[in-house]
Amino acid sequence: MTRIDFYRYAEDKQHYACRLAAKACRSNRVVVYSPDPAALDRFDKALWAYQATGFVPHVRAGSPLA
């Protein structure tokens, strides 16, 4: 069953989104959507730097790796 959650009022939205994506991808597929390509670029960079000892696998939908 598909589950959609909405989160608001996080102080550091970028960090919180990284934490949610890391947690969710351990058990399921995750889709992050934004109509703003610059926001997706910032999120991509944040995922690379989120954990010093971990990795959140991710790829843009238009990538040949997707």
C-alpha atoms as a PDB file:
ATOM      1  CA  MET A   1       0.000   0.000   0.000  1.00  0.00           C
ATOM      2  CA  THR A   2       1.306   3.449  -0.881  1.00  0.00           C
ATOM      3  CA  ARG A   3       1.849   5.849   1.977  1.00  0.00           C
ATOM      4  CA  ILE A   4       2.244   9.582   1.623  1.00  0.00           C
ATOM      5  CA  ASP A   5       3.313  11.722   4.564  1.00  0.00           C
ATOM      6  CA  PHE A   6       3.568  15.490   4.754  1.00  0.00           C
ATOM      7  CA  TYR A   7       5.935  17.131   7.222  1.00  0.00           C
ATOM      8  CA  ARG A   8       5.913  20.782   8.176  1.00  0.00           C
ATOM      9  CA  TYR A   9       7.586  23.057  10.685  1.00  0.00           C
ATOM     10  CA  ALA A  10      11.049  21.453  10.639  1.00  0.00           C
ATOM     11  CA  GLU A  11      13.748  23.969  11.554  1.00  0.00           C
ATOM     12  CA  ASP A  12      16.309  22.632   9.041  1.00  0.00           C
ATOM     13  CA  LYS A  13      14.127  21.314   6.244  1.00  0.00           C
ATOM     14  CA  GLN A  14      17.033  20.040   4.129  1.00  0.00           C
ATOM     15  CA  HIS A  15      18.517  17.994   6.977  1.00  0.00           C
ATOM     16  CA  TYR A  16      15.107  16.661   7.978  1.00  0.00           C
ATOM     17  CA  ALA A  17      14.389  15.615   4.382  1.00  0.00           C
ATOM     18  CA  CYS A  18      17.715  13.781   4.237  1.00  0.00           C
ATOM     19  CA  ARG A  19      16.927  11.981   7.478  1.00  0.00           C
ATOM     20  CA  LEU A  20      13.503  10.928   6.205  1.00  0.00           C
ATOM     21  CA  ALA A  21      14.891   9.773   2.859  1.00  0.00           C
ATOM     22  CA  ALA A  22      17.628   7.730   4.552  1.00  0.00           C
ATOM     23  CA  LYS A  23      15.129   6.101   6.885  1.00  0.00           C
ATOM     24  CA  ALA A  24      12.592   5.385   4.143  1.00  0.00           C
ATOM     25  CA  CYS A  25      15.059   3.981   1.625  1.00  0.00           C
ATOM     26  CA  ARG A  26      16.174   1.329   4.105  1.00  0.00           C
ATOM     27  CA  SER A  27      12.756  -0.298   3.803  1.00  0.00           C
ATOM     28  CA  ASN A  28      11.238   0.947   0.552  1.00  0.00           C
ATOM     29  CA  ARG A  29      11.590   3.037  -2.556  1.00  0.00           C
ATOM     30  CA  VAL A  30      11.361   6.783  -2.133  1.00  0.00           C
ATOM     31  CA  VAL A  31      10.360   9.458  -4.613  1.00  0.00           C
ATOM     32  CA  VAL A  32      11.218  13.072  -3.874  1.00  0.00           C
ATOM     33  CA  TYR A  33       9.449  15.603  -6.062  1.00  0.00           C
ATOM     34  CA  SER A  34      10.027  19.304  -6.484  1.00  0.00           C
ATOM     35  CA  PRO A  35       9.102  21.544  -9.412  1.00  0.00           C
ATOM     36  CA  ASP A  36      12.250  23.552  -8.594  1.00  0.00           C
ATOM     37  CA  PRO A  37      15.401  22.029 -10.192  1.00  0.00           C
ATOM     38  CA  ALA A  38      17.622  24.145  -7.945  1.00  0.00           C
ATOM     39  CA  ALA A  39      15.952  22.667  -4.860  1.00  0.00           C
ATOM     40  CA  LEU A  40      16.617  19.168  -6.198  1.00  0.00           C
ATOM     41  CA  ASP A  41      20.263  20.087  -6.806  1.00  0.00           C
ATOM     42  CA  ARG A  42      20.590  21.273  -3.197  1.00  0.00           C
ATOM     43  CA  PHE A  43      18.882  18.096  -1.956  1.00  0.00           C
ATOM     44  CA  ASP A  44      21.227  15.941  -4.059  1.00  0.00           C
ATOM     45  CA  LYS A  45      24.267  17.664  -2.544  1.00  0.00           C
ATOM     46  CA  ALA A  46      22.795  17.376   0.946  1.00  0.00           C
ATOM     47  CA  LEU A  47      22.267  13.622   0.510  1.00  0.00           C
ATOM     48  CA  TRP A  48      25.933  13.182  -0.416  1.00  0.00           C
ATOM     49  CA  ALA A  49      27.002  15.014   2.752  1.00  0.00           C
ATOM     50  CA  TYR A  50      24.282  13.774   5.111  1.00  0.00           C
ATOM     51  CA  GLN A  51      26.146  10.910   6.782  1.00  0.00           C
ATOM     52  CA  ALA A  52      29.894  10.562   7.148  1.00  0.00           C
ATOM     53  CA  THR A  53      29.657   6.781   7.520  1.00  0.00           C
ATOM     54  CA  GLY A  54      26.639   6.025   5.345  1.00  0.00           C
ATOM     55  CA  PHE A  55      25.223   6.532   1.895  1.00  0.00           C
ATOM     56  CA  VAL A  56      21.709   7.279   0.714  1.00  0.00           C
ATOM     57  CA  PRO A  57      21.457   5.808  -2.795  1.00  0.00           C
ATOM     58  CA  HIS A  58      19.778   8.264  -5.126  1.00  0.00           C
ATOM     59  CA  VAL A  59      19.504   9.253  -8.766  1.00  0.00           C
ATOM     60  CA  ARG A  60      17.538  11.823 -10.744  1.00  0.00           C
ATOM     61  CA  ALA A  61      14.571  10.454 -12.696  1.00  0.00           C
ATOM     62  CA  GLY A  62      16.018  11.596 -16.037  1.00  0.00           C
ATOM     63  CA  SER A  63      19.343   9.856 -15.460  1.00  0.00           C
ATOM     64  CA  PRO A  64      20.253   6.777 -17.556  1.00  0.00           C
ATOM     65  CA  LEU A  65      20.850   5.023 -14.211  1.00  0.00           C
ATOM     66  CA  ALA A  66      17.239   5.498 -13.107  1.00  0.00           C
END
